[in-house]
Amino acid sequence: MGKNVVEKIDDQVKIKTILVSVSDKSGLDAFIPGLVDLNPDILILSTGGTYGKLKEILGDRAKDCLKQVSDYTGQPETQGGLVKTLDFKIYLGLLTETYNEAHQADLKRTDARSIDMVVVNLYPFSDTIAKEGVICEEARGNIDIGGPTMIRASAKNFIRVASVVDPATYPAILEKLTASKGFLSLEDRFGLARKAFEHTAVYDRTIADYLAATPITDVSSCYKSGE
């Protein structure tokens, strides 16, 4: 099967469904209520500690617009939160194209929704390895998998999806959404995609540099033999 070539898109996309999963929760207390004010029918999907924080921020409004990813996908989180968002229904929602009939049929078949915005920042790997006496297992545990995957999927599909990775950009995004009555333009989404791929590139480079500089003796000393 050949690759699909997109020829038709919408310049302006209304933000109706968002996925929020962040390590750095700063700025959410203004950003999330602002999104709900703009579109009271918005659906916010979230995970773990982020879900708890959003429930606290939204108060009584949470029951109408906030849902755990596990309730949406029908799959519980793996112990320790190891697998939360790596689910077909999530990535279908991130990668589908508006005018692709097969994609739209897949959404209907799985009772999934198109996801219009991802708000994600990553496990603090650089902060972890900067700590004195950090061991390899602590570093390994702070290698984010789901976060970069969501960022890359949403940024790849900038023709429809906004990928938001930096809390410092929340006020500007909210200002643009307010001015456009809840829509983001292709220019906005493309600019966010640029930031998103830069973000994951720096993150991966930090991990690669750490692993390259870590002797195998330091790695093996972290673990007991399973034999």
C-alpha atoms as a PDB file:
ATOM      1  CA  MET A   1       0.000   0.000   0.000  1.00  0.00           C
ATOM      2  CA  GLY A   2       1.429   3.373  -1.014  1.00  0.00           C
ATOM      3  CA  LYS A   3       1.773   6.294   1.334  1.00  0.00           C
ATOM      4  CA  ASN A   4      -1.145   8.655   1.617  1.00  0.00           C
ATOM      5  CA  VAL A   5      -0.600  12.115   0.139  1.00  0.00           C
ATOM      6  CA  VAL A   6      -2.617  14.913   1.744  1.00  0.00           C
ATOM      7  CA  GLU A   7      -3.900  17.572  -0.634  1.00  0.00           C
ATOM      8  CA  LYS A   8      -6.670  19.242   1.372  1.00  0.00           C
ATOM      9  CA  ILE A   9      -6.523  20.651   4.911  1.00  0.00           C
ATOM     10  CA  ASP A  10      -8.201  23.313   7.039  1.00  0.00           C
ATOM     11  CA  ASP A  11      -6.177  26.427   7.803  1.00  0.00           C
ATOM     12  CA  GLN A  12      -8.194  27.041  10.985  1.00  0.00           C
ATOM     13  CA  VAL A  13      -8.807  24.101  13.338  1.00  0.00           C
ATOM     14  CA  LYS A  14     -11.079  24.357  16.368  1.00  0.00           C
ATOM     15  CA  ILE A  15      -9.613  22.892  19.556  1.00  0.00           C
ATOM     16  CA  LYS A  16     -12.260  20.415  20.724  1.00  0.00           C
ATOM     17  CA  THR A  17     -10.246  17.520  22.192  1.00  0.00           C
ATOM     18  CA  ILE A  18      -6.905  17.858  23.953  1.00  0.00           C
ATOM     19  CA  LEU A  19      -4.501  15.405  25.572  1.00  0.00           C
ATOM     20  CA  VAL A  20      -2.552  16.668  28.585  1.00  0.00           C
ATOM     21  CA  SER A  21       0.334  14.773  30.214  1.00  0.00           C
ATOM     22  CA  VAL A  22       3.056  16.863  31.821  1.00  0.00           C
ATOM     23  CA  SER A  23       5.885  16.573  34.318  1.00  0.00           C
ATOM     24  CA  ASP A  24       6.112  20.360  34.690  1.00  0.00           C
ATOM     25  CA  LYS A  25       2.629  21.412  35.765  1.00  0.00           C
ATOM     26  CA  SER A  26       3.338  25.141  35.941  1.00  0.00           C
ATOM     27  CA  GLY A  27       0.929  27.347  34.049  1.00  0.00           C
ATOM     28  CA  LEU A  28      -1.899  24.815  33.904  1.00  0.00           C
ATOM     29  CA  ASP A  29      -3.961  26.706  36.483  1.00  0.00           C
ATOM     30  CA  ALA A  30      -4.551  29.509  33.969  1.00  0.00           C
ATOM     31  CA  PHE A  31      -4.215  27.654  30.666  1.00  0.00           C
ATOM     32  CA  ILE A  32      -6.699  24.817  31.215  1.00  0.00           C
ATOM     33  CA  PRO A  33      -9.593  26.906  32.620  1.00  0.00           C
ATOM     34  CA  GLY A  34      -8.955  29.342  29.775  1.00  0.00           C
ATOM     35  CA  LEU A  35      -9.431  26.544  27.230  1.00  0.00           C
ATOM     36  CA  VAL A  36     -12.635  25.424  28.937  1.00  0.00           C
ATOM     37  CA  ASP A  37     -13.950  28.997  29.007  1.00  0.00           C
ATOM     38  CA  LEU A  38     -13.398  29.249  25.254  1.00  0.00           C
ATOM     39  CA  ASN A  39     -15.118  25.934  24.532  1.00  0.00           C
ATOM     40  CA  PRO A  40     -17.316  24.547  27.339  1.00  0.00           C
ATOM     41  CA  ASP A  41     -17.795  21.379  25.254  1.00  0.00           C
ATOM     42  CA  ILE A  42     -14.057  20.619  25.147  1.00  0.00           C
ATOM     43  CA  LEU A  43     -12.883  17.136  26.173  1.00  0.00           C
ATOM     44  CA  ILE A  44      -9.615  16.927  28.100  1.00  0.00           C
ATOM     45  CA  LEU A  45      -7.901  13.538  28.239  1.00  0.00           C
ATOM     46  CA  SER A  46      -5.229  13.124  30.883  1.00  0.00           C
ATOM     47  CA  THR A  47      -3.153  10.661  32.895  1.00  0.00           C
ATOM     48  CA  GLY A  48      -1.869   9.997  36.387  1.00  0.00           C
ATOM     49  CA  GLY A  49      -0.680  12.978  38.376  1.00  0.00           C
ATOM     50  CA  THR A  50      -1.654  15.371  35.603  1.00  0.00           C
ATOM     51  CA  TYR A  51      -5.251  14.152  35.767  1.00  0.00           C
ATOM     52  CA  GLY A  52      -5.281  14.747  39.520  1.00  0.00           C
ATOM     53  CA  LYS A  53      -3.911  18.257  39.097  1.00  0.00           C
ATOM     54  CA  LEU A  54      -6.457  19.123  36.399  1.00  0.00           C
ATOM     55  CA  LYS A  55      -9.302  17.776  38.513  1.00  0.00           C
ATOM     56  CA  GLU A  56      -8.166  20.042  41.322  1.00  0.00           C
ATOM     57  CA  ILE A  57      -7.847  23.059  38.990  1.00  0.00           C
ATOM     58  CA  LEU A  58     -11.234  22.577  37.321  1.00  0.00           C
ATOM     59  CA  GLY A  59     -13.241  21.711  40.429  1.00  0.00           C
ATOM     60  CA  ASP A  60     -16.905  21.058  39.635  1.00  0.00           C
ATOM     61  CA  ARG A  61     -16.305  21.604  35.920  1.00  0.00           C
ATOM     62  CA  ALA A  62     -14.074  18.529  35.741  1.00  0.00           C
ATOM     63  CA  LYS A  63     -17.021  16.135  35.611  1.00  0.00           C
ATOM     64  CA  ASP A  64     -18.179  17.621  32.313  1.00  0.00           C
ATOM     65  CA  CYS A  65     -14.880  17.921  30.436  1.00  0.00           C
ATOM     66  CA  LEU A  66     -12.126  15.807  32.030  1.00  0.00           C
ATOM     67  CA  LYS A  67     -11.563  12.097  31.417  1.00  0.00           C
ATOM     68  CA  GLN A  68      -8.715   9.744  32.294  1.00  0.00           C
ATOM     69  CA  VAL A  69      -6.961   8.242  29.283  1.00  0.00           C
ATOM     70  CA  SER A  70      -7.529   4.764  30.748  1.00  0.00           C
ATOM     71  CA  ASP A  71     -11.292   5.369  30.787  1.00  0.00           C
ATOM     72  CA  TYR A  72     -11.156   6.615  27.215  1.00  0.00           C
ATOM     73  CA  THR A  73      -9.075   3.717  25.851  1.00  0.00           C
ATOM     74  CA  GLY A  74     -10.512   0.986  28.079  1.00  0.00           C
ATOM     75  CA  GLN A  75      -6.974  -0.031  29.051  1.00  0.00           C
ATOM     76  CA  PRO A  76      -5.692   0.515  32.613  1.00  0.00           C
ATOM     77  CA  GLU A  77      -2.260   2.025  33.179  1.00  0.00           C
ATOM     78  CA  THR A  78       0.587  -0.451  33.631  1.00  0.00           C
ATOM     79  CA  GLN A  79       2.043  -0.701  37.150  1.00  0.00           C
ATOM     80  CA  GLY A  80       4.169   2.341  37.921  1.00  0.00           C
ATOM     81  CA  GLY A  81       2.656   4.235  34.999  1.00  0.00           C
ATOM     82  CA  LEU A  82       5.034   2.508  32.583  1.00  0.00           C
ATOM     83  CA  VAL A  83       2.381   2.389  29.838  1.00  0.00           C
ATOM     84  CA  LYS A  84      -0.337   5.039  29.871  1.00  0.00           C
ATOM     85  CA  THR A  85      -0.818   6.601  26.462  1.00  0.00           C
ATOM     86  CA  LEU A  86       0.702   4.086  24.025  1.00  0.00           C
ATOM     87  CA  ASP A  87      -2.636   2.973  22.671  1.00  0.00           C
ATOM     88  CA  PHE A  88      -4.098   2.589  19.158  1.00  0.00           C
ATOM     89  CA  LYS A  89      -7.085   4.779  19.995  1.00  0.00           C
ATOM     90  CA  ILE A  90      -4.824   7.638  21.101  1.00  0.00           C
ATOM     91  CA  TYR A  91      -2.582   7.551  18.045  1.00  0.00           C
ATOM     92  CA  LEU A  92      -5.503   7.169  15.702  1.00  0.00           C
ATOM     93  CA  GLY A  93      -6.830  10.399  17.208  1.00  0.00           C
ATOM     94  CA  LEU A  94      -3.476  12.129  16.783  1.00  0.00           C
ATOM     95  CA  LEU A  95      -2.583  11.014  13.272  1.00  0.00           C
ATOM     96  CA  THR A  96      -5.887  10.967  11.391  1.00  0.00           C
ATOM     97  CA  GLU A  97      -6.476  13.475   8.615  1.00  0.00           C
ATOM     98  CA  THR A  98      -9.707  15.430   8.320  1.00  0.00           C
ATOM     99  CA  TYR A  99     -10.462  14.663   4.668  1.00  0.00           C
ATOM    100  CA  ASN A 100      -9.271  11.049   4.614  1.00  0.00           C
ATOM    101  CA  GLU A 101     -12.410   8.886   4.449  1.00  0.00           C
ATOM    102  CA  ALA A 102     -10.602   5.751   5.628  1.00  0.00           C
ATOM    103  CA  HIS A 103      -9.248   7.578   8.669  1.00  0.00           C
ATOM    104  CA  GLN A 104     -12.683   8.911   9.519  1.00  0.00           C
ATOM    105  CA  ALA A 105     -14.117   5.398   9.186  1.00  0.00           C
ATOM    106  CA  ASP A 106     -11.449   4.132  11.605  1.00  0.00           C
ATOM    107  CA  LEU A 107     -12.457   6.793  14.131  1.00  0.00           C
ATOM    108  CA  LYS A 108     -16.092   5.734  13.852  1.00  0.00           C
ATOM    109  CA  ARG A 109     -15.230   2.024  14.034  1.00  0.00           C
ATOM    110  CA  THR A 110     -13.241   2.442  17.259  1.00  0.00           C
ATOM    111  CA  ASP A 111     -15.455   5.139  18.800  1.00  0.00           C
ATOM    112  CA  ALA A 112     -12.391   7.401  18.883  1.00  0.00           C
ATOM    113  CA  ARG A 113     -12.071  11.162  18.604  1.00  0.00           C
ATOM    114  CA  SER A 114      -9.717  13.342  16.624  1.00  0.00           C
ATOM    115  CA  ILE A 115      -7.301  14.958  19.089  1.00  0.00           C
ATOM    116  CA  ASP A 116      -6.653  18.593  18.194  1.00  0.00           C
ATOM    117  CA  MET A 117      -4.001  19.554  20.743  1.00  0.00           C
ATOM    118  CA  VAL A 118      -1.362  17.754  22.788  1.00  0.00           C
ATOM    119  CA  VAL A 119       0.051  19.456  25.886  1.00  0.00           C
ATOM    120  CA  VAL A 120       3.090  17.427  26.907  1.00  0.00           C
ATOM    121  CA  ASN A 121       6.434  17.951  28.573  1.00  0.00           C
ATOM    122  CA  LEU A 122       8.869  15.212  29.424  1.00  0.00           C
ATOM    123  CA  TYR A 123      10.319  13.349  32.392  1.00  0.00           C
ATOM    124  CA  PRO A 124      13.146  15.498  33.823  1.00  0.00           C
ATOM    125  CA  PHE A 125      16.057  13.428  32.498  1.00  0.00           C
ATOM    126  CA  SER A 126      18.592  16.268  32.496  1.00  0.00           C
ATOM    127  CA  ASP A 127      17.659  17.253  36.068  1.00  0.00           C
ATOM    128  CA  THR A 128      17.979  13.638  37.179  1.00  0.00           C
ATOM    129  CA  ILE A 129      21.471  13.069  35.782  1.00  0.00           C
ATOM    130  CA  ALA A 130      22.643  16.422  37.195  1.00  0.00           C
ATOM    131  CA  LYS A 131      22.090  15.167  40.742  1.00  0.00           C
ATOM    132  CA  GLU A 132      25.164  14.130  42.675  1.00  0.00           C
ATOM    133  CA  GLY A 133      25.522  10.362  43.028  1.00  0.00           C
ATOM    134  CA  VAL A 134      22.785   9.484  40.523  1.00  0.00           C
ATOM    135  CA  ILE A 135      22.938   5.855  39.415  1.00  0.00           C
ATOM    136  CA  CYS A 136      22.170   4.400  36.012  1.00  0.00           C
ATOM    137  CA  GLU A 137      18.827   2.920  37.073  1.00  0.00           C
ATOM    138  CA  GLU A 138      17.570   6.336  38.203  1.00  0.00           C
ATOM    139  CA  ALA A 139      18.563   7.789  34.854  1.00  0.00           C
ATOM    140  CA  ARG A 140      17.018   4.905  32.924  1.00  0.00           C
ATOM    141  CA  GLY A 141      13.748   5.303  34.803  1.00  0.00           C
ATOM    142  CA  ASN A 142      13.552   8.930  33.690  1.00  0.00           C
ATOM    143  CA  ILE A 143      13.764   8.177  29.978  1.00  0.00           C
ATOM    144  CA  ASP A 144      10.337   9.214  28.724  1.00  0.00           C
ATOM    145  CA  ILE A 145       8.760   7.035  26.030  1.00  0.00           C
ATOM    146  CA  GLY A 146       5.102   8.024  25.768  1.00  0.00           C
ATOM    147  CA  GLY A 147       5.793  11.757  25.955  1.00  0.00           C
ATOM    148  CA  PRO A 148       8.155  12.008  22.968  1.00  0.00           C
ATOM    149  CA  THR A 149       5.896   9.668  20.990  1.00  0.00           C
ATOM    150  CA  MET A 150       2.867  11.898  21.556  1.00  0.00           C
ATOM    151  CA  ILE A 151       4.892  14.998  20.753  1.00  0.00           C
ATOM    152  CA  ARG A 152       6.273  13.537  17.535  1.00  0.00           C
ATOM    153  CA  ALA A 153       2.885  12.207  16.388  1.00  0.00           C
ATOM    154  CA  SER A 154       1.107  15.485  17.006  1.00  0.00           C
ATOM    155  CA  ALA A 155       3.921  17.570  15.501  1.00  0.00           C
ATOM    156  CA  LYS A 156       4.057  15.347  12.418  1.00  0.00           C
ATOM    157  CA  ASN A 157       0.338  15.975  11.954  1.00  0.00           C
ATOM    158  CA  PHE A 158       0.648  19.768  12.254  1.00  0.00           C
ATOM    159  CA  ILE A 159      -1.774  19.950   9.345  1.00  0.00           C
ATOM    160  CA  ARG A 160      -4.451  19.377  11.987  1.00  0.00           C
ATOM    161  CA  VAL A 161      -2.912  19.085  15.484  1.00  0.00           C
ATOM    162  CA  ALA A 162      -1.198  21.586  17.804  1.00  0.00           C
ATOM    163  CA  SER A 163       1.770  20.207  19.753  1.00  0.00           C
ATOM    164  CA  VAL A 164       2.425  22.267  22.889  1.00  0.00           C
ATOM    165  CA  VAL A 165       5.640  21.457  24.781  1.00  0.00           C
ATOM    166  CA  ASP A 166       6.594  24.635  26.662  1.00  0.00           C
ATOM    167  CA  PRO A 167       4.561  26.095  29.555  1.00  0.00           C
ATOM    168  CA  ALA A 168       6.006  29.505  28.706  1.00  0.00           C
ATOM    169  CA  THR A 169       3.954  29.480  25.492  1.00  0.00           C
ATOM    170  CA  TYR A 170       0.584  28.889  27.210  1.00  0.00           C
ATOM    171  CA  PRO A 171      -0.368  32.587  27.545  1.00  0.00           C
ATOM    172  CA  ALA A 172       0.384  33.342  23.878  1.00  0.00           C
ATOM    173  CA  ILE A 173      -1.537  30.281  22.696  1.00  0.00           C
ATOM    174  CA  LEU A 174      -4.509  31.193  24.863  1.00  0.00           C
ATOM    175  CA  GLU A 175      -4.394  34.751  23.519  1.00  0.00           C
ATOM    176  CA  LYS A 176      -4.463  33.474  19.929  1.00  0.00           C
ATOM    177  CA  LEU A 177      -7.307  31.085  20.712  1.00  0.00           C
ATOM    178  CA  THR A 178      -9.277  33.869  22.373  1.00  0.00           C
ATOM    179  CA  ALA A 179      -8.815  36.169  19.374  1.00  0.00           C
ATOM    180  CA  SER A 180      -9.916  33.441  16.946  1.00  0.00           C
ATOM    181  CA  LYS A 181     -12.777  32.092  19.088  1.00  0.00           C
ATOM    182  CA  GLY A 182     -11.099  28.755  19.808  1.00  0.00           C
ATOM    183  CA  PHE A 183      -9.292  28.102  16.516  1.00  0.00           C
ATOM    184  CA  LEU A 184      -5.582  27.779  15.696  1.00  0.00           C
ATOM    185  CA  SER A 185      -4.196  28.466  12.233  1.00  0.00           C
ATOM    186  CA  LEU A 186      -1.825  26.371  10.148  1.00  0.00           C
ATOM    187  CA  GLU A 187       0.857  28.978  10.820  1.00  0.00           C
ATOM    188  CA  ASP A 188       0.330  28.540  14.566  1.00  0.00           C
ATOM    189  CA  ARG A 189       0.412  24.742  14.360  1.00  0.00           C
ATOM    190  CA  PHE A 190       3.504  24.709  12.148  1.00  0.00           C
ATOM    191  CA  GLY A 191       5.343  27.010  14.549  1.00  0.00           C
ATOM    192  CA  LEU A 192       4.479  24.700  17.434  1.00  0.00           C
ATOM    193  CA  ALA A 193       5.690  21.679  15.419  1.00  0.00           C
ATOM    194  CA  ARG A 194       9.074  23.345  14.960  1.00  0.00           C
ATOM    195  CA  LYS A 195       9.379  23.835  18.721  1.00  0.00           C
ATOM    196  CA  ALA A 196       8.200  20.286  19.384  1.00  0.00           C
ATOM    197  CA  PHE A 197      10.791  18.572  17.212  1.00  0.00           C
ATOM    198  CA  GLU A 198      13.545  20.777  18.627  1.00  0.00           C
ATOM    199  CA  HIS A 199      12.380  19.773  22.107  1.00  0.00           C
ATOM    200  CA  THR A 200      12.549  16.037  21.414  1.00  0.00           C
ATOM    201  CA  ALA A 201      15.856  16.407  19.556  1.00  0.00           C
ATOM    202  CA  VAL A 202      17.502  18.051  22.575  1.00  0.00           C
ATOM    203  CA  TYR A 203      15.961  15.451  24.890  1.00  0.00           C
ATOM    204  CA  ASP A 204      17.238  12.523  22.841  1.00  0.00           C
ATOM    205  CA  ARG A 205      20.670  14.123  22.470  1.00  0.00           C
ATOM    206  CA  THR A 206      20.933  14.469  26.252  1.00  0.00           C
ATOM    207  CA  ILE A 207      20.094  10.794  26.729  1.00  0.00           C
ATOM    208  CA  ALA A 208      22.508   9.685  24.006  1.00  0.00           C
ATOM    209  CA  ASP A 209      25.338  11.767  25.477  1.00  0.00           C
ATOM    210  CA  TYR A 210      24.700  10.380  28.959  1.00  0.00           C
ATOM    211  CA  LEU A 211      24.719   6.773  27.766  1.00  0.00           C
ATOM    212  CA  ALA A 212      27.860   7.375  25.709  1.00  0.00           C
ATOM    213  CA  ALA A 213      29.664   8.764  28.751  1.00  0.00           C
ATOM    214  CA  THR A 214      28.544   6.026  31.162  1.00  0.00           C
ATOM    215  CA  PRO A 215      30.976   3.077  31.549  1.00  0.00           C
ATOM    216  CA  ILE A 216      29.429  -0.397  31.357  1.00  0.00           C
ATOM    217  CA  THR A 217      30.897  -1.108  34.799  1.00  0.00           C
ATOM    218  CA  ASP A 218      28.673   1.638  36.249  1.00  0.00           C
ATOM    219  CA  VAL A 219      25.686   0.107  34.502  1.00  0.00           C
ATOM    220  CA  SER A 220      26.309  -3.485  35.626  1.00  0.00           C
ATOM    221  CA  SER A 221      26.922  -2.388  39.220  1.00  0.00           C
ATOM    222  CA  CYS A 222      23.299  -1.170  39.439  1.00  0.00           C
ATOM    223  CA  TYR A 223      21.802  -4.639  39.050  1.00  0.00           C
ATOM    224  CA  LYS A 224      21.873  -8.093  40.543  1.00  0.00           C
ATOM    225  CA  SER A 225      22.250 -11.034  38.219  1.00  0.00           C
ATOM    226  CA  GLY A 226      18.992 -12.766  37.313  1.00  0.00           C
ATOM    227  CA  GLU A 227      20.776 -15.998  36.569  1.00  0.00           C
END
